[in-house]
Amino acid sequence: MRARIVLSTLYTTLILTGCIHVDRPPLPETEFTYDERDFIPSDVPLPKPEVNQRPNVGTKTLLVTVTHWQDGSLLNYELVKKHTLSPDPDSLQSYVSAASGGKMTLTGQVIQHT
């Protein structure tokens, strides 16, 4: 259950930060085409002009919803909050900060809805 929550949150984070796009079909593994939506505006020059290597840095804002469907299992709001946007060492926020060397931080809000 914990792994599903973490993976779901990570997927949502990737969508919200612009790392993946869900509105287009995936490309075959052997083919790559440039898309203008892949560009991340920044004043930092590229190390090699022909390679898009702009990093995701700064503060990214998330909205995490903990939803309970009528016939579904109940999610633990406090546990989801602890593992996403808290200073806890096991949280997604701590992982992203550590993985980016402190160059990217996550902020936001966790809400609950039934």
PDB file of N, CA and C in Angstrom:
ATOM      1  N   MET A   1       0.823  -1.182   0.000  1.00  0.00           N
ATOM      2  CA  MET A   1       0.000   0.000   0.000  1.00  0.00           C
ATOM      3  C   MET A   1       0.874   1.256   0.000  1.00  0.00           C
ATOM      4  N   ARG A   2       1.937   1.253   0.816  1.00  0.00           N
ATOM      5  CA  ARG A   2       2.819   2.412   0.901  1.00  0.00           C
ATOM      6  C   ARG A   2       3.521   2.654  -0.429  1.00  0.00           C
ATOM      7  N   ALA A   3       3.941   1.593  -1.080  1.00  0.00           N
ATOM      8  CA  ALA A   3       4.621   1.725  -2.365  1.00  0.00           C
ATOM      9  C   ALA A   3       3.682   2.318  -3.406  1.00  0.00           C
ATOM     10  N   ARG A   4       2.425   1.922  -3.389  1.00  0.00           N
ATOM     11  CA  ARG A   4       1.455   2.448  -4.348  1.00  0.00           C
ATOM     12  C   ARG A   4       1.260   3.950  -4.135  1.00  0.00           C
ATOM     13  N   ILE A   5       1.200   4.379  -2.887  1.00  0.00           N
ATOM     14  CA  ILE A   5       1.026   5.797  -2.588  1.00  0.00           C
ATOM     15  C   ILE A   5       2.247   6.592  -3.046  1.00  0.00           C
ATOM     16  N   VAL A   6       3.422   6.066  -2.751  1.00  0.00           N
ATOM     17  CA  VAL A   6       4.650   6.763  -3.131  1.00  0.00           C
ATOM     18  C   VAL A   6       4.765   6.846  -4.650  1.00  0.00           C
ATOM     19  N   LEU A   7       4.483   5.762  -5.356  1.00  0.00           N
ATOM     20  CA  LEU A   7       4.566   5.770  -6.818  1.00  0.00           C
ATOM     21  C   LEU A   7       3.517   6.688  -7.430  1.00  0.00           C
ATOM     22  N   SER A   8       2.317   6.671  -6.881  1.00  0.00           N
ATOM     23  CA  SER A   8       1.265   7.551  -7.373  1.00  0.00           C
ATOM     24  C   SER A   8       1.643   9.010  -7.164  1.00  0.00           C
ATOM     25  N   THR A   9       2.201   9.315  -6.011  1.00  0.00           N
ATOM     26  CA  THR A   9       2.626  10.679  -5.720  1.00  0.00           C
ATOM     27  C   THR A   9       3.780  11.093  -6.627  1.00  0.00           C
ATOM     28  N   LEU A  10       4.710  10.200  -6.849  1.00  0.00           N
ATOM     29  CA  LEU A  10       5.839  10.493  -7.730  1.00  0.00           C
ATOM     30  C   LEU A  10       5.357  10.747  -9.152  1.00  0.00           C
ATOM     31  N   TYR A  11       4.413   9.947  -9.638  1.00  0.00           N
ATOM     32  CA  TYR A  11       3.849  10.131 -10.974  1.00  0.00           C
ATOM     33  C   TYR A  11       3.182  11.494 -11.083  1.00  0.00           C
ATOM     34  N   THR A  12       2.403  11.862 -10.049  1.00  0.00           N
ATOM     35  CA  THR A  12       1.741  13.165 -10.034  1.00  0.00           C
ATOM     36  C   THR A  12       2.767  14.288 -10.025  1.00  0.00           C
ATOM     37  N   THR A  13       3.828  14.112  -9.258  1.00  0.00           N
ATOM     38  CA  THR A  13       4.884  15.119  -9.204  1.00  0.00           C
ATOM     39  C   THR A  13       5.528  15.308 -10.560  1.00  0.00           C
ATOM     40  N   LEU A  14       5.806  14.229 -11.244  1.00  0.00           N
ATOM     41  CA  LEU A  14       6.420  14.308 -12.565  1.00  0.00           C
ATOM     42  C   LEU A  14       5.510  15.014 -13.561  1.00  0.00           C
ATOM     43  N   ILE A  15       4.218  14.768 -13.460  1.00  0.00           N
ATOM     44  CA  ILE A  15       3.269  15.440 -14.352  1.00  0.00           C
ATOM     45  C   ILE A  15       3.240  16.927 -14.053  1.00  0.00           C
ATOM     46  N   LEU A  16       3.135  17.297 -12.760  1.00  0.00           N
ATOM     47  CA  LEU A  16       3.020  18.699 -12.387  1.00  0.00           C
ATOM     48  C   LEU A  16       4.295  19.487 -12.642  1.00  0.00           C
ATOM     49  N   THR A  17       5.455  18.880 -12.530  1.00  0.00           N
ATOM     50  CA  THR A  17       6.704  19.603 -12.774  1.00  0.00           C
ATOM     51  C   THR A  17       7.058  19.642 -14.252  1.00  0.00           C
ATOM     52  N   GLY A  18       6.298  18.963 -15.076  1.00  0.00           N
ATOM     53  CA  GLY A  18       6.537  19.031 -16.511  1.00  0.00           C
ATOM     54  C   GLY A  18       7.542  18.020 -17.024  1.00  0.00           C
ATOM     55  N   CYS A  19       7.911  17.050 -16.205  1.00  0.00           N
ATOM     56  CA  CYS A  19       8.882  16.048 -16.659  1.00  0.00           C
ATOM     57  C   CYS A  19       8.260  15.073 -17.641  1.00  0.00           C
ATOM     58  N   ILE A  20       6.959  14.839 -17.522  1.00  0.00           N
ATOM     59  CA  ILE A  20       6.267  13.969 -18.471  1.00  0.00           C
ATOM     60  C   ILE A  20       4.983  14.655 -18.921  1.00  0.00           C
ATOM     61  N   HIS A  21       4.517  14.290 -20.084  1.00  0.00           N
ATOM     62  CA  HIS A  21       3.288  14.848 -20.632  1.00  0.00           C
ATOM     63  C   HIS A  21       2.313  13.712 -20.866  1.00  0.00           C
ATOM     64  N   VAL A  22       1.099  13.848 -20.365  1.00  0.00           N
ATOM     65  CA  VAL A  22       0.131  12.769 -20.500  1.00  0.00           C
ATOM     66  C   VAL A  22      -0.809  12.967 -21.680  1.00  0.00           C
ATOM     67  N   ASP A  23      -0.708  14.098 -22.389  1.00  0.00           N
ATOM     68  CA  ASP A  23      -1.627  14.370 -23.474  1.00  0.00           C
ATOM     69  C   ASP A  23      -1.137  13.885 -24.838  1.00  0.00           C
ATOM     70  N   ARG A  24      -0.007  13.205 -24.890  1.00  0.00           N
ATOM     71  CA  ARG A  24       0.486  12.693 -26.157  1.00  0.00           C
ATOM     72  C   ARG A  24       0.914  11.235 -25.991  1.00  0.00           C
ATOM     73  N   PRO A  25       0.784  10.448 -27.052  1.00  0.00           N
ATOM     74  CA  PRO A  25       1.189   9.037 -26.938  1.00  0.00           C
ATOM     75  C   PRO A  25       2.702   8.930 -26.801  1.00  0.00           C
ATOM     76  N   PRO A  26       3.181   7.906 -26.096  1.00  0.00           N
ATOM     77  CA  PRO A  26       4.634   7.749 -25.956  1.00  0.00           C
ATOM     78  C   PRO A  26       5.280   7.411 -27.292  1.00  0.00           C
ATOM     79  N   LEU A  27       6.518   7.883 -27.468  1.00  0.00           N
ATOM     80  CA  LEU A  27       7.265   7.598 -28.686  1.00  0.00           C
ATOM     81  C   LEU A  27       7.855   6.199 -28.623  1.00  0.00           C
ATOM     82  N   PRO A  28       8.054   5.568 -29.775  1.00  0.00           N
ATOM     83  CA  PRO A  28       8.771   4.285 -29.753  1.00  0.00           C
ATOM     84  C   PRO A  28      10.158   4.498 -29.174  1.00  0.00           C
ATOM     85  N   GLU A  29      10.705   3.476 -28.545  1.00  0.00           N
ATOM     86  CA  GLU A  29      11.985   3.607 -27.864  1.00  0.00           C
ATOM     87  C   GLU A  29      13.135   3.952 -28.803  1.00  0.00           C
ATOM     88  N   THR A  30      13.021   3.602 -30.072  1.00  0.00           N
ATOM     89  CA  THR A  30      14.120   3.832 -31.003  1.00  0.00           C
ATOM     90  C   THR A  30      14.037   5.190 -31.682  1.00  0.00           C
ATOM     91  N   GLU A  31      12.987   5.968 -31.445  1.00  0.00           N
ATOM     92  CA  GLU A  31      12.796   7.231 -32.149  1.00  0.00           C
ATOM     93  C   GLU A  31      12.673   8.381 -31.155  1.00  0.00           C
ATOM     94  N   PHE A  32      13.381   9.482 -31.404  1.00  0.00           N
ATOM     95  CA  PHE A  32      13.266  10.671 -30.571  1.00  0.00           C
ATOM     96  C   PHE A  32      13.034  11.879 -31.459  1.00  0.00           C
ATOM     97  N   THR A  33      12.058  12.677 -31.110  1.00  0.00           N
ATOM     98  CA  THR A  33      11.805  13.923 -31.828  1.00  0.00           C
ATOM     99  C   THR A  33      11.720  15.048 -30.811  1.00  0.00           C
ATOM    100  N   TYR A  34      12.199  16.217 -31.196  1.00  0.00           N
ATOM    101  CA  TYR A  34      12.174  17.385 -30.325  1.00  0.00           C
ATOM    102  C   TYR A  34      10.772  17.966 -30.295  1.00  0.00           C
ATOM    103  N   ASP A  35      10.325  18.359 -29.129  1.00  0.00           N
ATOM    104  CA  ASP A  35       9.025  18.975 -28.950  1.00  0.00           C
ATOM    105  C   ASP A  35       9.236  20.278 -28.193  1.00  0.00           C
ATOM    106  N   GLU A  36       8.624  21.365 -28.648  1.00  0.00           N
ATOM    107  CA  GLU A  36       8.792  22.662 -27.991  1.00  0.00           C
ATOM    108  C   GLU A  36       8.340  22.625 -26.529  1.00  0.00           C
ATOM    109  N   ARG A  37       7.418  21.718 -26.176  1.00  0.00           N
ATOM    110  CA  ARG A  37       6.946  21.637 -24.788  1.00  0.00           C
ATOM    111  C   ARG A  37       8.020  21.084 -23.856  1.00  0.00           C
ATOM    112  N   ASP A  38       9.101  20.519 -24.406  1.00  0.00           N
ATOM    113  CA  ASP A  38      10.195  20.009 -23.586  1.00  0.00           C
ATOM    114  C   ASP A  38      11.114  21.121 -23.090  1.00  0.00           C
ATOM    115  N   PHE A  39      10.988  22.304 -23.630  1.00  0.00           N
ATOM    116  CA  PHE A  39      11.866  23.409 -23.265  1.00  0.00           C
ATOM    117  C   PHE A  39      11.517  23.943 -21.879  1.00  0.00           C
ATOM    118  N   ILE A  40      12.534  24.130 -21.044  1.00  0.00           N
ATOM    119  CA  ILE A  40      12.356  24.701 -19.713  1.00  0.00           C
ATOM    120  C   ILE A  40      13.009  26.077 -19.734  1.00  0.00           C
ATOM    121  N   PRO A  41      12.212  27.157 -19.606  1.00  0.00           N
ATOM    122  CA  PRO A  41      12.793  28.494 -19.684  1.00  0.00           C
ATOM    123  C   PRO A  41      13.813  28.729 -18.569  1.00  0.00           C
ATOM    124  N   SER A  42      14.954  29.247 -18.926  1.00  0.00           N
ATOM    125  CA  SER A  42      16.003  29.510 -17.953  1.00  0.00           C
ATOM    126  C   SER A  42      17.038  30.422 -18.590  1.00  0.00           C
ATOM    127  N   ASP A  43      17.739  31.200 -17.769  1.00  0.00           N
ATOM    128  CA  ASP A  43      18.821  32.041 -18.263  1.00  0.00           C
ATOM    129  C   ASP A  43      20.153  31.312 -18.243  1.00  0.00           C
ATOM    130  N   VAL A  44      20.162  30.083 -17.742  1.00  0.00           N
ATOM    131  CA  VAL A  44      21.392  29.305 -17.663  1.00  0.00           C
ATOM    132  C   VAL A  44      21.703  28.750 -19.050  1.00  0.00           C
ATOM    133  N   PRO A  45      22.888  29.032 -19.596  1.00  0.00           N
ATOM    134  CA  PRO A  45      23.212  28.511 -20.926  1.00  0.00           C
ATOM    135  C   PRO A  45      23.430  26.998 -20.896  1.00  0.00           C
ATOM    136  N   LEU A  46      23.159  26.371 -22.008  1.00  0.00           N
ATOM    137  CA  LEU A  46      23.374  24.937 -22.117  1.00  0.00           C
ATOM    138  C   LEU A  46      24.869  24.636 -22.231  1.00  0.00           C
ATOM    139  N   PRO A  47      25.333  23.523 -21.641  1.00  0.00           N
ATOM    140  CA  PRO A  47      26.733  23.155 -21.803  1.00  0.00           C
ATOM    141  C   PRO A  47      27.075  22.865 -23.267  1.00  0.00           C
ATOM    142  N   LYS A  48      26.160  22.195 -23.969  1.00  0.00           N
ATOM    143  CA  LYS A  48      26.335  21.904 -25.386  1.00  0.00           C
ATOM    144  C   LYS A  48      25.049  22.356 -26.076  1.00  0.00           C
ATOM    145  N   PRO A  49      25.108  23.285 -27.005  1.00  0.00           N
ATOM    146  CA  PRO A  49      23.881  23.826 -27.600  1.00  0.00           C
ATOM    147  C   PRO A  49      22.993  22.784 -28.256  1.00  0.00           C
ATOM    148  N   GLU A  50      23.548  21.682 -28.738  1.00  0.00           N
ATOM    149  CA  GLU A  50      22.726  20.693 -29.434  1.00  0.00           C
ATOM    150  C   GLU A  50      22.012  19.722 -28.499  1.00  0.00           C
ATOM    151  N   VAL A  51      22.296  19.784 -27.190  1.00  0.00           N
ATOM    152  CA  VAL A  51      21.707  18.854 -26.237  1.00  0.00           C
ATOM    153  C   VAL A  51      20.866  19.623 -25.230  1.00  0.00           C
ATOM    154  N   ASN A  52      19.624  19.214 -25.028  1.00  0.00           N
ATOM    155  CA  ASN A  52      18.748  19.876 -24.062  1.00  0.00           C
ATOM    156  C   ASN A  52      19.037  19.319 -22.672  1.00  0.00           C
ATOM    157  N   GLN A  53      19.827  20.025 -21.888  1.00  0.00           N
ATOM    158  CA  GLN A  53      20.213  19.552 -20.564  1.00  0.00           C
ATOM    159  C   GLN A  53      19.796  20.528 -19.469  1.00  0.00           C
ATOM    160  N   ARG A  54      18.745  21.267 -19.637  1.00  0.00           N
ATOM    161  CA  ARG A  54      18.314  22.212 -18.612  1.00  0.00           C
ATOM    162  C   ARG A  54      17.705  21.451 -17.437  1.00  0.00           C
ATOM    163  N   PRO A  55      18.217  21.663 -16.248  1.00  0.00           N
ATOM    164  CA  PRO A  55      17.709  20.927 -15.084  1.00  0.00           C
ATOM    165  C   PRO A  55      16.437  21.548 -14.520  1.00  0.00           C
ATOM    166  N   ASN A  56      15.652  20.753 -13.837  1.00  0.00           N
ATOM    167  CA  ASN A  56      14.526  21.258 -13.075  1.00  0.00           C
ATOM    168  C   ASN A  56      15.057  21.724 -11.738  1.00  0.00           C
ATOM    169  N   VAL A  57      14.979  23.016 -11.475  1.00  0.00           N
ATOM    170  CA  VAL A  57      15.458  23.569 -10.221  1.00  0.00           C
ATOM    171  C   VAL A  57      14.432  24.561  -9.694  1.00  0.00           C
ATOM    172  N   GLY A  58      14.610  24.967  -8.453  1.00  0.00           N
ATOM    173  CA  GLY A  58      13.723  25.953  -7.855  1.00  0.00           C
ATOM    174  C   GLY A  58      12.677  25.291  -6.975  1.00  0.00           C
ATOM    175  N   THR A  59      11.610  26.024  -6.737  1.00  0.00           N
ATOM    176  CA  THR A  59      10.523  25.541  -5.891  1.00  0.00           C
ATOM    177  C   THR A  59       9.352  25.135  -6.761  1.00  0.00           C
ATOM    178  N   LYS A  60       8.888  23.920  -6.588  1.00  0.00           N
ATOM    179  CA  LYS A  60       7.732  23.405  -7.315  1.00  0.00           C
ATOM    180  C   LYS A  60       6.582  23.235  -6.321  1.00  0.00           C
ATOM    181  N   THR A  61       5.382  23.596  -6.737  1.00  0.00           N
ATOM    182  CA  THR A  61       4.218  23.537  -5.863  1.00  0.00           C
ATOM    183  C   THR A  61       3.341  22.349  -6.252  1.00  0.00           C
ATOM    184  N   LEU A  62       2.914  21.587  -5.251  1.00  0.00           N
ATOM    185  CA  LEU A  62       2.073  20.404  -5.468  1.00  0.00           C
ATOM    186  C   LEU A  62       0.735  20.563  -4.771  1.00  0.00           C
ATOM    187  N   LEU A  63      -0.262  19.911  -5.322  1.00  0.00           N
ATOM    188  CA  LEU A  63      -1.523  19.731  -4.634  1.00  0.00           C
ATOM    189  C   LEU A  63      -1.773  18.231  -4.621  1.00  0.00           C
ATOM    190  N   VAL A  64      -1.777  17.634  -3.439  1.00  0.00           N
ATOM    191  CA  VAL A  64      -1.998  16.197  -3.288  1.00  0.00           C
ATOM    192  C   VAL A  64      -3.390  16.013  -2.708  1.00  0.00           C
ATOM    193  N   THR A  65      -4.216  15.225  -3.387  1.00  0.00           N
ATOM    194  CA  THR A  65      -5.564  14.965  -2.884  1.00  0.00           C
ATOM    195  C   THR A  65      -5.653  13.532  -2.394  1.00  0.00           C
ATOM    196  N   VAL A  66      -6.192  13.372  -1.212  1.00  0.00           N
ATOM    197  CA  VAL A  66      -6.442  12.051  -0.640  1.00  0.00           C
ATOM    198  C   VAL A  66      -7.947  11.852  -0.744  1.00  0.00           C
ATOM    199  N   THR A  67      -8.344  11.033  -1.704  1.00  0.00           N
ATOM    200  CA  THR A  67      -9.768  10.864  -2.007  1.00  0.00           C
ATOM    201  C   THR A  67     -10.238   9.483  -1.586  1.00  0.00           C
ATOM    202  N   HIS A  68     -11.377   9.443  -0.952  1.00  0.00           N
ATOM    203  CA  HIS A  68     -11.984   8.170  -0.559  1.00  0.00           C
ATOM    204  C   HIS A  68     -13.223   7.952  -1.420  1.00  0.00           C
ATOM    205  N   TRP A  69     -13.177   6.936  -2.281  1.00  0.00           N
ATOM    206  CA  TRP A  69     -14.316   6.588  -3.116  1.00  0.00           C
ATOM    207  C   TRP A  69     -15.253   5.702  -2.302  1.00  0.00           C
ATOM    208  N   GLN A  70     -16.516   5.694  -2.647  1.00  0.00           N
ATOM    209  CA  GLN A  70     -17.517   4.972  -1.864  1.00  0.00           C
ATOM    210  C   GLN A  70     -17.182   3.501  -1.669  1.00  0.00           C
ATOM    211  N   ASP A  71     -16.787   2.815  -2.731  1.00  0.00           N
ATOM    212  CA  ASP A  71     -16.533   1.382  -2.627  1.00  0.00           C
ATOM    213  C   ASP A  71     -15.041   1.056  -2.545  1.00  0.00           C
ATOM    214  N   GLY A  72     -14.219   2.058  -2.317  1.00  0.00           N
ATOM    215  CA  GLY A  72     -12.779   1.831  -2.285  1.00  0.00           C
ATOM    216  C   GLY A  72     -12.250   1.724  -0.870  1.00  0.00           C
ATOM    217  N   SER A  73     -10.991   1.379  -0.771  1.00  0.00           N
ATOM    218  CA  SER A  73     -10.370   1.284   0.541  1.00  0.00           C
ATOM    219  C   SER A  73     -10.048   2.687   1.055  1.00  0.00           C
ATOM    220  N   LEU A  74     -10.044   2.853   2.332  1.00  0.00           N
ATOM    221  CA  LEU A  74      -9.807   4.135   2.971  1.00  0.00           C
ATOM    222  C   LEU A  74      -8.306   4.417   3.021  1.00  0.00           C
ATOM    223  N   LEU A  75      -7.901   5.588   2.544  1.00  0.00           N
ATOM    224  CA  LEU A  75      -6.506   5.991   2.599  1.00  0.00           C
ATOM    225  C   LEU A  75      -6.250   6.759   3.889  1.00  0.00           C
ATOM    226  N   ASN A  76      -5.099   6.573   4.451  1.00  0.00           N
ATOM    227  CA  ASN A  76      -4.728   7.242   5.686  1.00  0.00           C
ATOM    228  C   ASN A  76      -4.178   8.625   5.349  1.00  0.00           C
ATOM    229  N   TYR A  77      -4.970   9.670   5.613  1.00  0.00           N
ATOM    230  CA  TYR A  77      -4.602  11.038   5.278  1.00  0.00           C
ATOM    231  C   TYR A  77      -3.285  11.440   5.940  1.00  0.00           C
ATOM    232  N   GLU A  78      -3.123  11.163   7.203  1.00  0.00           N
ATOM    233  CA  GLU A  78      -1.909  11.549   7.922  1.00  0.00           C
ATOM    234  C   GLU A  78      -0.669  10.847   7.347  1.00  0.00           C
ATOM    235  N   LEU A  79      -0.820   9.588   6.969  1.00  0.00           N
ATOM    236  CA  LEU A  79       0.295   8.841   6.402  1.00  0.00           C
ATOM    237  C   LEU A  79       0.681   9.384   5.016  1.00  0.00           C
ATOM    238  N   VAL A  80      -0.306   9.698   4.192  1.00  0.00           N
ATOM    239  CA  VAL A  80      -0.036  10.271   2.876  1.00  0.00           C
ATOM    240  C   VAL A  80       0.660  11.620   3.037  1.00  0.00           C
ATOM    241  N   LYS A  81       0.170  12.427   3.960  1.00  0.00           N
ATOM    242  CA  LYS A  81       0.776  13.739   4.209  1.00  0.00           C
ATOM    243  C   LYS A  81       2.222  13.585   4.688  1.00  0.00           C
ATOM    244  N   LYS A  82       2.452  12.595   5.569  1.00  0.00           N
ATOM    245  CA  LYS A  82       3.795  12.356   6.098  1.00  0.00           C
ATOM    246  C   LYS A  82       4.764  11.952   4.990  1.00  0.00           C
ATOM    247  N   HIS A  83       4.286  11.162   4.026  1.00  0.00           N
ATOM    248  CA  HIS A  83       5.171  10.627   2.988  1.00  0.00           C
ATOM    249  C   HIS A  83       5.256  11.501   1.742  1.00  0.00           C
ATOM    250  N   THR A  84       4.565  12.632   1.698  1.00  0.00           N
ATOM    251  CA  THR A  84       4.657  13.511   0.537  1.00  0.00           C
ATOM    252  C   THR A  84       5.283  14.853   0.893  1.00  0.00           C
ATOM    253  N   LEU A  85       4.567  15.682   1.635  1.00  0.00           N
ATOM    254  CA  LEU A  85       5.017  17.057   1.865  1.00  0.00           C
ATOM    255  C   LEU A  85       5.315  17.320   3.338  1.00  0.00           C
ATOM    256  N   SER A  86       6.205  16.570   3.903  1.00  0.00           N
ATOM    257  CA  SER A  86       6.618  16.806   5.279  1.00  0.00           C
ATOM    258  C   SER A  86       8.139  16.749   5.345  1.00  0.00           C
ATOM    259  N   PRO A  87       8.718  17.289   6.412  1.00  0.00           N
ATOM    260  CA  PRO A  87      10.181  17.226   6.541  1.00  0.00           C
ATOM    261  C   PRO A  87      10.701  15.848   6.969  1.00  0.00           C
ATOM    262  N   ASP A  88       9.815  14.872   7.069  1.00  0.00           N
ATOM    263  CA  ASP A  88      10.210  13.513   7.440  1.00  0.00           C
ATOM    264  C   ASP A  88      11.252  12.975   6.449  1.00  0.00           C
ATOM    265  N   PRO A  89      12.286  12.275   6.914  1.00  0.00           N
ATOM    266  CA  PRO A  89      13.326  11.763   6.003  1.00  0.00           C
ATOM    267  C   PRO A  89      12.804  10.786   4.953  1.00  0.00           C
ATOM    268  N   ASP A  90      11.645  10.140   5.195  1.00  0.00           N
ATOM    269  CA  ASP A  90      11.080   9.186   4.236  1.00  0.00           C
ATOM    270  C   ASP A  90      10.116   9.831   3.245  1.00  0.00           C
ATOM    271  N   SER A  91       9.965  11.145   3.258  1.00  0.00           N
ATOM    272  CA  SER A  91       8.969  11.800   2.415  1.00  0.00           C
ATOM    273  C   SER A  91       9.514  12.098   1.018  1.00  0.00           C
ATOM    274  N   LEU A  92       8.595  12.299   0.097  1.00  0.00           N
ATOM    275  CA  LEU A  92       8.946  12.661  -1.272  1.00  0.00           C
ATOM    276  C   LEU A  92       9.671  14.004  -1.297  1.00  0.00           C
ATOM    277  N   GLN A  93       9.241  14.928  -0.452  1.00  0.00           N
ATOM    278  CA  GLN A  93       9.874  16.238  -0.374  1.00  0.00           C
ATOM    279  C   GLN A  93      11.357  16.113  -0.002  1.00  0.00           C
ATOM    280  N   SER A  94      11.663  15.291   0.971  1.00  0.00           N
ATOM    281  CA  SER A  94      13.051  15.090   1.387  1.00  0.00           C
ATOM    282  C   SER A  94      13.854  14.385   0.295  1.00  0.00           C
ATOM    283  N   TYR A  95      13.230  13.427  -0.382  1.00  0.00           N
ATOM    284  CA  TYR A  95      13.915  12.698  -1.452  1.00  0.00           C
ATOM    285  C   TYR A  95      14.291  13.631  -2.603  1.00  0.00           C
ATOM    286  N   VAL A  96      13.339  14.451  -3.053  1.00  0.00           N
ATOM    287  CA  VAL A  96      13.599  15.353  -4.174  1.00  0.00           C
ATOM    288  C   VAL A  96      14.687  16.362  -3.807  1.00  0.00           C
ATOM    289  N   SER A  97      14.635  16.866  -2.594  1.00  0.00           N
ATOM    290  CA  SER A  97      15.655  17.818  -2.148  1.00  0.00           C
ATOM    291  C   SER A  97      17.037  17.166  -2.106  1.00  0.00           C
ATOM    292  N   ALA A  98      17.113  15.954  -1.577  1.00  0.00           N
ATOM    293  CA  ALA A  98      18.401  15.256  -1.495  1.00  0.00           C
ATOM    294  C   ALA A  98      18.905  14.858  -2.883  1.00  0.00           C
ATOM    295  N   ALA A  99      18.009  14.378  -3.757  1.00  0.00           N
ATOM    296  CA  ALA A  99      18.410  13.937  -5.088  1.00  0.00           C
ATOM    297  C   ALA A  99      18.889  15.101  -5.952  1.00  0.00           C
ATOM    298  N   SER A 100      18.348  16.292  -5.725  1.00  0.00           N
ATOM    299  CA  SER A 100      18.756  17.453  -6.515  1.00  0.00           C
ATOM    300  C   SER A 100      19.883  18.237  -5.852  1.00  0.00           C
ATOM    301  N   GLY A 101      20.357  17.763  -4.733  1.00  0.00           N
ATOM    302  CA  GLY A 101      21.414  18.478  -4.021  1.00  0.00           C
ATOM    303  C   GLY A 101      20.928  19.787  -3.437  1.00  0.00           C
ATOM    304  N   GLY A 102      19.647  19.851  -3.086  1.00  0.00           N
ATOM    305  CA  GLY A 102      19.068  21.059  -2.511  1.00  0.00           C
ATOM    306  C   GLY A 102      18.681  22.113  -3.527  1.00  0.00           C
ATOM    307  N   LYS A 103      18.768  21.792  -4.824  1.00  0.00           N
ATOM    308  CA  LYS A 103      18.456  22.769  -5.868  1.00  0.00           C
ATOM    309  C   LYS A 103      16.973  22.796  -6.229  1.00  0.00           C
ATOM    310  N   MET A 104      16.236  21.753  -5.832  1.00  0.00           N
ATOM    311  CA  MET A 104      14.800  21.710  -6.105  1.00  0.00           C
ATOM    312  C   MET A 104      14.071  21.383  -4.819  1.00  0.00           C
ATOM    313  N   THR A 105      13.057  22.155  -4.524  1.00  0.00           N
ATOM    314  CA  THR A 105      12.270  21.906  -3.317  1.00  0.00           C
ATOM    315  C   THR A 105      10.792  21.787  -3.693  1.00  0.00           C
ATOM    316  N   LEU A 106      10.080  20.997  -2.918  1.00  0.00           N
ATOM    317  CA  LEU A 106       8.645  20.817  -3.124  1.00  0.00           C
ATOM    318  C   LEU A 106       7.895  21.497  -1.994  1.00  0.00           C
ATOM    319  N   THR A 107       6.874  22.226  -2.352  1.00  0.00           N
ATOM    320  CA  THR A 107       5.957  22.810  -1.374  1.00  0.00           C
ATOM    321  C   THR A 107       4.558  22.493  -1.847  1.00  0.00           C
ATOM    322  N   GLY A 108       3.588  22.762  -1.032  1.00  0.00           N
ATOM    323  CA  GLY A 108       2.218  22.544  -1.465  1.00  0.00           C
ATOM    324  C   GLY A 108       1.299  22.224  -0.327  1.00  0.00           C
ATOM    325  N   GLN A 109       0.246  21.513  -0.679  1.00  0.00           N
ATOM    326  CA  GLN A 109      -0.820  21.238   0.268  1.00  0.00           C
ATOM    327  C   GLN A 109      -1.376  19.850   0.018  1.00  0.00           C
ATOM    328  N   VAL A 110      -1.723  19.172   1.097  1.00  0.00           N
ATOM    329  CA  VAL A 110      -2.373  17.876   1.016  1.00  0.00           C
ATOM    330  C   VAL A 110      -3.804  18.076   1.515  1.00  0.00           C
ATOM    331  N   ILE A 111      -4.778  17.745   0.670  1.00  0.00           N
ATOM    332  CA  ILE A 111      -6.181  17.916   1.068  1.00  0.00           C
ATOM    333  C   ILE A 111      -6.872  16.566   1.052  1.00  0.00           C
ATOM    334  N   GLN A 112      -7.962  16.475   1.797  1.00  0.00           N
ATOM    335  CA  GLN A 112      -8.726  15.225   1.904  1.00  0.00           C
ATOM    336  C   GLN A 112     -10.150  15.487   1.442  1.00  0.00           C
ATOM    337  N   HIS A 113     -10.697  14.519   0.690  1.00  0.00           N
ATOM    338  CA  HIS A 113     -12.057  14.662   0.195  1.00  0.00           C
ATOM    339  C   HIS A 113     -12.720  13.280   0.166  1.00  0.00           C
ATOM    340  N   THR A 114     -13.972  13.252   0.530  1.00  0.00           N
ATOM    341  CA  THR A 114     -14.733  12.001   0.484  1.00  0.00           C
ATOM    342  C   THR A 114     -15.811  12.136  -0.559  1.00  0.00           C
TER     343      THR A 114
END
